[in-house]
PDB file of N, CA and C in Angstrom:
ATOM      1  N   MET A   1      -7.540 -15.344   4.275  1.00  0.00           N
ATOM      2  CA  MET A   1      -6.408 -14.474   4.027  1.00  0.00           C
ATOM      3  C   MET A   1      -5.311 -14.848   5.028  1.00  0.00           C
ATOM      4  N   ASP A   2      -4.079 -14.902   4.537  1.00  0.00           N
ATOM      5  CA  ASP A   2      -2.983 -15.278   5.436  1.00  0.00           C
ATOM      6  C   ASP A   2      -2.582 -14.101   6.339  1.00  0.00           C
ATOM      7  N   PRO A   3      -1.861 -14.362   7.422  1.00  0.00           N
ATOM      8  CA  PRO A   3      -1.502 -13.309   8.382  1.00  0.00           C
ATOM      9  C   PRO A   3      -0.684 -12.171   7.768  1.00  0.00           C
ATOM     10  N   TYR A   4       0.181 -12.489   6.792  1.00  0.00           N
ATOM     11  CA  TYR A   4       0.996 -11.446   6.160  1.00  0.00           C
ATOM     12  C   TYR A   4       0.107 -10.470   5.406  1.00  0.00           C
ATOM     13  N   ASP A   5      -0.821 -10.993   4.605  1.00  0.00           N
ATOM     14  CA  ASP A   5      -1.730 -10.115   3.863  1.00  0.00           C
ATOM     15  C   ASP A   5      -2.617  -9.316   4.809  1.00  0.00           C
ATOM     16  N   GLN A   6      -3.054  -9.936   5.894  1.00  0.00           N
ATOM     17  CA  GLN A   6      -3.849  -9.224   6.889  1.00  0.00           C
ATOM     18  C   GLN A   6      -3.035  -8.083   7.497  1.00  0.00           C
ATOM     19  N   ALA A   7      -1.759  -8.313   7.761  1.00  0.00           N
ATOM     20  CA  ALA A   7      -0.890  -7.265   8.306  1.00  0.00           C
ATOM     21  C   ALA A   7      -0.715  -6.124   7.310  1.00  0.00           C
ATOM     22  N   LEU A   8      -0.628  -6.443   6.018  1.00  0.00           N
ATOM     23  CA  LEU A   8      -0.532  -5.395   4.993  1.00  0.00           C
ATOM     24  C   LEU A   8      -1.758  -4.489   5.042  1.00  0.00           C
ATOM     25  N   LEU A   9      -2.927  -5.105   5.086  1.00  0.00           N
ATOM     26  CA  LEU A   9      -4.162  -4.316   5.144  1.00  0.00           C
ATOM     27  C   LEU A   9      -4.237  -3.495   6.423  1.00  0.00           C
ATOM     28  N   GLU A  10      -3.899  -4.096   7.538  1.00  0.00           N
ATOM     29  CA  GLU A  10      -3.955  -3.374   8.814  1.00  0.00           C
ATOM     30  C   GLU A  10      -3.014  -2.181   8.825  1.00  0.00           C
ATOM     31  N   HIS A  11      -1.806  -2.358   8.285  1.00  0.00           N
ATOM     32  CA  HIS A  11      -0.850  -1.249   8.212  1.00  0.00           C
ATOM     33  C   HIS A  11      -1.427  -0.124   7.350  1.00  0.00           C
ATOM     34  N   THR A  12      -1.963  -0.484   6.200  1.00  0.00           N
ATOM     35  CA  THR A  12      -2.512   0.522   5.286  1.00  0.00           C
ATOM     36  C   THR A  12      -3.667   1.272   5.944  1.00  0.00           C
ATOM     37  N   LEU A  13      -4.561   0.560   6.558  1.00  0.00           N
ATOM     38  CA  LEU A  13      -5.707   1.203   7.205  1.00  0.00           C
ATOM     39  C   LEU A  13      -5.281   2.060   8.393  1.00  0.00           C
ATOM     40  N   ARG A  14      -4.271   1.617   9.122  1.00  0.00           N
ATOM     41  CA  ARG A  14      -3.786   2.375  10.291  1.00  0.00           C
ATOM     42  C   ARG A  14      -3.104   3.673   9.860  1.00  0.00           C
ATOM     43  N   TRP A  15      -2.337   3.631   8.760  1.00  0.00           N
ATOM     44  CA  TRP A  15      -1.515   4.772   8.375  1.00  0.00           C
ATOM     45  C   TRP A  15      -2.100   5.645   7.262  1.00  0.00           C
ATOM     46  N   CYS A  16      -3.160   5.243   6.600  1.00  0.00           N
ATOM     47  CA  CYS A  16      -3.637   5.991   5.432  1.00  0.00           C
ATOM     48  C   CYS A  16      -4.033   7.433   5.755  1.00  0.00           C
ATOM     49  N   ASN A  17      -4.491   7.691   6.955  1.00  0.00           N
ATOM     50  CA  ASN A  17      -4.857   9.067   7.325  1.00  0.00           C
ATOM     51  C   ASN A  17      -3.659   9.910   7.737  1.00  0.00           C
ATOM     52  N   TYR A  18      -2.482   9.296   7.788  1.00  0.00           N
ATOM     53  CA  TYR A  18      -1.276   9.993   8.230  1.00  0.00           C
ATOM     54  C   TYR A  18      -0.183   9.971   7.162  1.00  0.00           C
ATOM     55  N   GLY A  19      -0.558   9.821   5.915  1.00  0.00           N
ATOM     56  CA  GLY A  19       0.422   9.849   4.828  1.00  0.00           C
ATOM     57  C   GLY A  19       0.959   8.491   4.420  1.00  0.00           C
ATOM     58  N   GLY A  20       0.561   7.449   5.097  1.00  0.00           N
ATOM     59  CA  GLY A  20       0.934   6.114   4.661  1.00  0.00           C
ATOM     60  C   GLY A  20       1.976   5.405   5.497  1.00  0.00           C
ATOM     61  N   GLY A  21       2.775   6.121   6.262  1.00  0.00           N
ATOM     62  CA  GLY A  21       3.813   5.475   7.051  1.00  0.00           C
ATOM     63  C   GLY A  21       4.816   4.735   6.182  1.00  0.00           C
ATOM     64  N   ASP A  22       5.104   5.308   5.018  1.00  0.00           N
ATOM     65  CA  ASP A  22       5.992   4.637   4.053  1.00  0.00           C
ATOM     66  C   ASP A  22       7.355   4.288   4.640  1.00  0.00           C
ATOM     67  N   GLU A  23       7.832   5.079   5.588  1.00  0.00           N
ATOM     68  CA  GLU A  23       9.152   4.818   6.166  1.00  0.00           C
ATOM     69  C   GLU A  23       9.160   3.527   7.001  1.00  0.00           C
ATOM     70  N   HIS A  24       7.988   3.031   7.362  1.00  0.00           N
ATOM     71  CA  HIS A  24       7.890   1.800   8.157  1.00  0.00           C
ATOM     72  C   HIS A  24       7.713   0.554   7.294  1.00  0.00           C
ATOM     73  N   ILE A  25       7.434   0.743   6.015  1.00  0.00           N
ATOM     74  CA  ILE A  25       7.083  -0.395   5.151  1.00  0.00           C
ATOM     75  C   ILE A  25       8.253  -1.353   4.958  1.00  0.00           C
ATOM     76  N   PHE A  26       9.411  -0.862   4.562  1.00  0.00           N
ATOM     77  CA  PHE A  26      10.519  -1.775   4.298  1.00  0.00           C
ATOM     78  C   PHE A  26      10.972  -2.518   5.556  1.00  0.00           C
ATOM     79  N   PRO A  27      11.178  -1.813   6.682  1.00  0.00           N
ATOM     80  CA  PRO A  27      11.605  -2.557   7.876  1.00  0.00           C
ATOM     81  C   PRO A  27      10.569  -3.588   8.355  1.00  0.00           C
ATOM     82  N   GLU A  28       9.291  -3.277   8.192  1.00  0.00           N
ATOM     83  CA  GLU A  28       8.261  -4.171   8.705  1.00  0.00           C
ATOM     84  C   GLU A  28       7.906  -5.303   7.734  1.00  0.00           C
ATOM     85  N   PHE A  29       7.919  -4.993   6.407  1.00  0.00           N
ATOM     86  CA  PHE A  29       7.434  -5.965   5.432  1.00  0.00           C
ATOM     87  C   PHE A  29       8.480  -6.404   4.408  1.00  0.00           C
ATOM     88  N   GLY A  30       9.611  -5.710   4.347  1.00  0.00           N
ATOM     89  CA  GLY A  30      10.646  -6.079   3.390  1.00  0.00           C
ATOM     90  C   GLY A  30      10.295  -5.749   1.951  1.00  0.00           C
ATOM     91  N   LEU A  31       9.411  -4.775   1.766  1.00  0.00           N
ATOM     92  CA  LEU A  31       8.979  -4.357   0.433  1.00  0.00           C
ATOM     93  C   LEU A  31       9.208  -2.865   0.258  1.00  0.00           C
ATOM     94  N   THR A  32       9.459  -2.448  -0.978  1.00  0.00           N
ATOM     95  CA  THR A  32       9.474  -1.017  -1.257  1.00  0.00           C
ATOM     96  C   THR A  32       8.032  -0.519  -1.153  1.00  0.00           C
ATOM     97  N   PRO A  33       7.825   0.772  -0.937  1.00  0.00           N
ATOM     98  CA  PRO A  33       6.452   1.277  -0.885  1.00  0.00           C
ATOM     99  C   PRO A  33       5.644   0.937  -2.147  1.00  0.00           C
ATOM    100  N   GLU A  34       6.249   1.063  -3.316  1.00  0.00           N
ATOM    101  CA  GLU A  34       5.507   0.755  -4.539  1.00  0.00           C
ATOM    102  C   GLU A  34       5.077  -0.712  -4.554  1.00  0.00           C
ATOM    103  N   MET A  35       5.976  -1.620  -4.211  1.00  0.00           N
ATOM    104  CA  MET A  35       5.638  -3.050  -4.171  1.00  0.00           C
ATOM    105  C   MET A  35       4.567  -3.319  -3.109  1.00  0.00           C
ATOM    106  N   PHE A  36       4.694  -2.655  -1.980  1.00  0.00           N
ATOM    107  CA  PHE A  36       3.736  -2.814  -0.895  1.00  0.00           C
ATOM    108  C   PHE A  36       2.323  -2.441  -1.359  1.00  0.00           C
ATOM    109  N   TYR A  37       2.182  -1.243  -1.961  1.00  0.00           N
ATOM    110  CA  TYR A  37       0.854  -0.794  -2.365  1.00  0.00           C
ATOM    111  C   TYR A  37       0.298  -1.629  -3.516  1.00  0.00           C
ATOM    112  N   ARG A  38       1.149  -2.130  -4.380  1.00  0.00           N
ATOM    113  CA  ARG A  38       0.683  -3.048  -5.425  1.00  0.00           C
ATOM    114  C   ARG A  38       0.159  -4.343  -4.792  1.00  0.00           C
ATOM    115  N   ARG A  39       0.840  -4.832  -3.797  1.00  0.00           N
ATOM    116  CA  ARG A  39       0.399  -6.054  -3.111  1.00  0.00           C
ATOM    117  C   ARG A  39      -0.925  -5.808  -2.392  1.00  0.00           C
ATOM    118  N   VAL A  40      -1.053  -4.661  -1.744  1.00  0.00           N
ATOM    119  CA  VAL A  40      -2.313  -4.342  -1.064  1.00  0.00           C
ATOM    120  C   VAL A  40      -3.451  -4.290  -2.078  1.00  0.00           C
ATOM    121  N   LEU A  41      -3.211  -3.705  -3.240  1.00  0.00           N
ATOM    122  CA  LEU A  41      -4.245  -3.682  -4.284  1.00  0.00           C
ATOM    123  C   LEU A  41      -4.676  -5.096  -4.648  1.00  0.00           C
ATOM    124  N   THR A  42      -3.735  -5.988  -4.795  1.00  0.00           N
ATOM    125  CA  THR A  42      -4.054  -7.377  -5.120  1.00  0.00           C
ATOM    126  C   THR A  42      -4.866  -8.020  -4.004  1.00  0.00           C
ATOM    127  N   VAL A  43      -4.458  -7.791  -2.771  1.00  0.00           N
ATOM    128  CA  VAL A  43      -5.177  -8.355  -1.627  1.00  0.00           C
ATOM    129  C   VAL A  43      -6.601  -7.824  -1.585  1.00  0.00           C
ATOM    130  N   VAL A  44      -6.758  -6.528  -1.767  1.00  0.00           N
ATOM    131  CA  VAL A  44      -8.089  -5.921  -1.729  1.00  0.00           C
ATOM    132  C   VAL A  44      -8.982  -6.515  -2.818  1.00  0.00           C
ATOM    133  N   ASP A  45      -8.427  -6.721  -3.986  1.00  0.00           N
ATOM    134  CA  ASP A  45      -9.233  -7.214  -5.104  1.00  0.00           C
ATOM    135  C   ASP A  45      -9.502  -8.717  -5.061  1.00  0.00           C
ATOM    136  N   THR A  46      -8.648  -9.482  -4.407  1.00  0.00           N
ATOM    137  CA  THR A  46      -8.799 -10.932  -4.506  1.00  0.00           C
ATOM    138  C   THR A  46      -9.006 -11.672  -3.194  1.00  0.00           C
ATOM    139  N   ARG A  47      -8.583 -11.108  -2.074  1.00  0.00           N
ATOM    140  CA  ARG A  47      -8.567 -11.914  -0.848  1.00  0.00           C
ATOM    141  C   ARG A  47      -9.248 -11.298   0.355  1.00  0.00           C
ATOM    142  N   SER A  48      -9.789 -10.135   0.247  1.00  0.00           N
ATOM    143  CA  SER A  48     -10.307  -9.504   1.459  1.00  0.00           C
ATOM    144  C   SER A  48     -11.829  -9.566   1.522  1.00  0.00           C
ATOM    145  N   GLU A  49     -12.311  -9.567   2.738  1.00  0.00           N
ATOM    146  CA  GLU A  49     -13.750  -9.534   2.973  1.00  0.00           C
ATOM    147  C   GLU A  49     -14.197  -8.134   3.390  1.00  0.00           C
ATOM    148  N   LEU A  50     -13.468  -7.131   2.962  1.00  0.00           N
ATOM    149  CA  LEU A  50     -13.812  -5.752   3.307  1.00  0.00           C
ATOM    150  C   LEU A  50     -15.125  -5.352   2.655  1.00  0.00           C
ATOM    151  N   GLU A  51     -15.807  -4.437   3.296  1.00  0.00           N
ATOM    152  CA  GLU A  51     -17.017  -3.864   2.719  1.00  0.00           C
ATOM    153  C   GLU A  51     -16.646  -3.076   1.456  1.00  0.00           C
ATOM    154  N   PHE A  52     -17.609  -2.943   0.547  1.00  0.00           N
ATOM    155  CA  PHE A  52     -17.355  -2.285  -0.727  1.00  0.00           C
ATOM    156  C   PHE A  52     -16.786  -0.864  -0.580  1.00  0.00           C
ATOM    157  N   PRO A  53     -17.337  -0.010   0.300  1.00  0.00           N
ATOM    158  CA  PRO A  53     -16.751   1.340   0.425  1.00  0.00           C
ATOM    159  C   PRO A  53     -15.276   1.317   0.854  1.00  0.00           C
ATOM    160  N   ALA A  54     -14.926   0.403   1.752  1.00  0.00           N
ATOM    161  CA  ALA A  54     -13.527   0.296   2.185  1.00  0.00           C
ATOM    162  C   ALA A  54     -12.652  -0.165   1.034  1.00  0.00           C
ATOM    163  N   LYS A  55     -13.151  -1.111   0.240  1.00  0.00           N
ATOM    164  CA  LYS A  55     -12.391  -1.570  -0.931  1.00  0.00           C
ATOM    165  C   LYS A  55     -12.175  -0.416  -1.914  1.00  0.00           C
ATOM    166  N   GLN A  56     -13.230   0.346  -2.160  1.00  0.00           N
ATOM    167  CA  GLN A  56     -13.106   1.491  -3.073  1.00  0.00           C
ATOM    168  C   GLN A  56     -12.064   2.468  -2.568  1.00  0.00           C
ATOM    169  N   TYR A  57     -12.131   2.801  -1.279  1.00  0.00           N
ATOM    170  CA  TYR A  57     -11.196   3.750  -0.701  1.00  0.00           C
ATOM    171  C   TYR A  57      -9.760   3.227  -0.821  1.00  0.00           C
ATOM    172  N   LEU A  58      -9.543   1.974  -0.454  1.00  0.00           N
ATOM    173  CA  LEU A  58      -8.193   1.412  -0.514  1.00  0.00           C
ATOM    174  C   LEU A  58      -7.671   1.320  -1.944  1.00  0.00           C
ATOM    175  N   ARG A  59      -8.538   0.999  -2.897  1.00  0.00           N
ATOM    176  CA  ARG A  59      -8.106   0.977  -4.301  1.00  0.00           C
ATOM    177  C   ARG A  59      -7.621   2.360  -4.728  1.00  0.00           C
ATOM    178  N   ALA A  60      -8.418   3.377  -4.418  1.00  0.00           N
ATOM    179  CA  ALA A  60      -8.046   4.745  -4.810  1.00  0.00           C
ATOM    180  C   ALA A  60      -6.768   5.183  -4.092  1.00  0.00           C
ATOM    181  N   TYR A  61      -6.693   4.916  -2.800  1.00  0.00           N
ATOM    182  CA  TYR A  61      -5.532   5.326  -2.004  1.00  0.00           C
ATOM    183  C   TYR A  61      -4.265   4.639  -2.498  1.00  0.00           C
ATOM    184  N   CYS A  62      -4.311   3.322  -2.653  1.00  0.00           N
ATOM    185  CA  CYS A  62      -3.129   2.569  -3.068  1.00  0.00           C
ATOM    186  C   CYS A  62      -2.730   2.901  -4.498  1.00  0.00           C
ATOM    187  N   SER A  63      -3.706   3.113  -5.367  1.00  0.00           N
ATOM    188  CA  SER A  63      -3.388   3.499  -6.746  1.00  0.00           C
ATOM    189  C   SER A  63      -2.653   4.829  -6.777  1.00  0.00           C
ATOM    190  N   GLU A  64      -3.096   5.770  -5.959  1.00  0.00           N
ATOM    191  CA  GLU A  64      -2.422   7.072  -5.867  1.00  0.00           C
ATOM    192  C   GLU A  64      -1.007   6.906  -5.326  1.00  0.00           C
ATOM    193  N   LYS A  65      -0.829   6.082  -4.312  1.00  0.00           N
ATOM    194  CA  LYS A  65       0.501   5.859  -3.742  1.00  0.00           C
ATOM    195  C   LYS A  65       1.426   5.198  -4.760  1.00  0.00           C
ATOM    196  N   VAL A  66       0.924   4.230  -5.527  1.00  0.00           N
ATOM    197  CA  VAL A  66       1.740   3.578  -6.562  1.00  0.00           C
ATOM    198  C   VAL A  66       2.157   4.602  -7.605  1.00  0.00           C
ATOM    199  N   THR A  67       1.222   5.418  -8.047  1.00  0.00           N
ATOM    200  CA  THR A  67       1.517   6.442  -9.048  1.00  0.00           C
ATOM    201  C   THR A  67       2.544   7.440  -8.527  1.00  0.00           C
ATOM    202  N   SER A  68       2.371   7.894  -7.293  1.00  0.00           N
ATOM    203  CA  SER A  68       3.296   8.899  -6.763  1.00  0.00           C
ATOM    204  C   SER A  68       4.691   8.314  -6.519  1.00  0.00           C
ATOM    205  N   THR A  69       4.781   7.080  -6.043  1.00  0.00           N
ATOM    206  CA  THR A  69       6.111   6.499  -5.827  1.00  0.00           C
ATOM    207  C   THR A  69       6.800   6.196  -7.143  1.00  0.00           C
ATOM    208  N   ALA A  70       6.030   5.765  -8.141  1.00  0.00           N
ATOM    209  CA  ALA A  70       6.619   5.488  -9.459  1.00  0.00           C
ATOM    210  C   ALA A  70       7.094   6.775 -10.116  1.00  0.00           C
ATOM    211  N   SER A  71       6.313   7.846 -10.008  1.00  0.00           N
ATOM    212  CA  SER A  71       6.733   9.107 -10.634  1.00  0.00           C
ATOM    213  C   SER A  71       7.929   9.704  -9.895  1.00  0.00           C
ATOM    214  N   ARG A  72       7.971   9.546  -8.580  1.00  0.00           N
ATOM    215  CA  ARG A  72       9.118  10.033  -7.813  1.00  0.00           C
ATOM    216  C   ARG A  72      10.379   9.270  -8.202  1.00  0.00           C
ATOM    217  N   ARG A  73      10.243   7.973  -8.447  1.00  0.00           N
ATOM    218  CA  ARG A  73      11.389   7.161  -8.856  1.00  0.00           C
ATOM    219  C   ARG A  73      11.889   7.586 -10.235  1.00  0.00           C
ATOM    220  N   ARG A  74      10.969   7.908 -11.154  1.00  0.00           N
ATOM    221  CA  ARG A  74      11.387   8.366 -12.484  1.00  0.00           C
ATOM    222  C   ARG A  74      12.078   9.716 -12.405  1.00  0.00           C
ATOM    223  N   THR A  75      11.596  10.580 -11.517  1.00  0.00           N
ATOM    224  CA  THR A  75      12.159  11.914 -11.373  1.00  0.00           C
ATOM    225  C   THR A  75      13.523  11.865 -10.669  1.00  0.00           C
ATOM    226  N   HIS A  76      13.620  11.019  -9.661  1.00  0.00           N
ATOM    227  CA  HIS A  76      14.839  10.873  -8.872  1.00  0.00           C
ATOM    228  C   HIS A  76      15.217   9.400  -8.802  1.00  0.00           C
ATOM    229  N   PRO A  77      15.952   8.918  -9.780  1.00  0.00           N
ATOM    230  CA  PRO A  77      16.215   7.479  -9.854  1.00  0.00           C
ATOM    231  C   PRO A  77      16.952   6.896  -8.655  1.00  0.00           C
ATOM    232  N   PHE A  78      17.595   7.716  -7.853  1.00  0.00           N
ATOM    233  CA  PHE A  78      18.316   7.205  -6.684  1.00  0.00           C
ATOM    234  C   PHE A  78      17.578   7.518  -5.408  1.00  0.00           C
ATOM    235  N   GLY A  79      16.274   7.879  -5.530  1.00  0.00           N
ATOM    236  CA  GLY A  79      15.450   8.130  -4.345  1.00  0.00           C
ATOM    237  C   GLY A  79      15.788   9.410  -3.625  1.00  0.00           C
ATOM    238  N   LEU A  80      16.429  10.351  -4.302  1.00  0.00           N
ATOM    239  CA  LEU A  80      16.795  11.611  -3.651  1.00  0.00           C
ATOM    240  C   LEU A  80      15.608  12.512  -3.496  1.00  0.00           C
TER     241      LEU A  80
END
């Protein structure tokens, strides 16, 4: 796994118990939260050596974050 993908996973694992730290995602990674969590899902499914329970947790967590950011965008198209 490359250092960027490793940093994505580390950020997610560090912040998942505190709401995700979404306000830090764009400045640190240059991605919107939705893009970030989609990328983490891809990393978890294809490139990580995480234990199965951690993969399950991250899949559920990131899927929820993608759903909530997408629904918030539909509700408030300008991020209000």
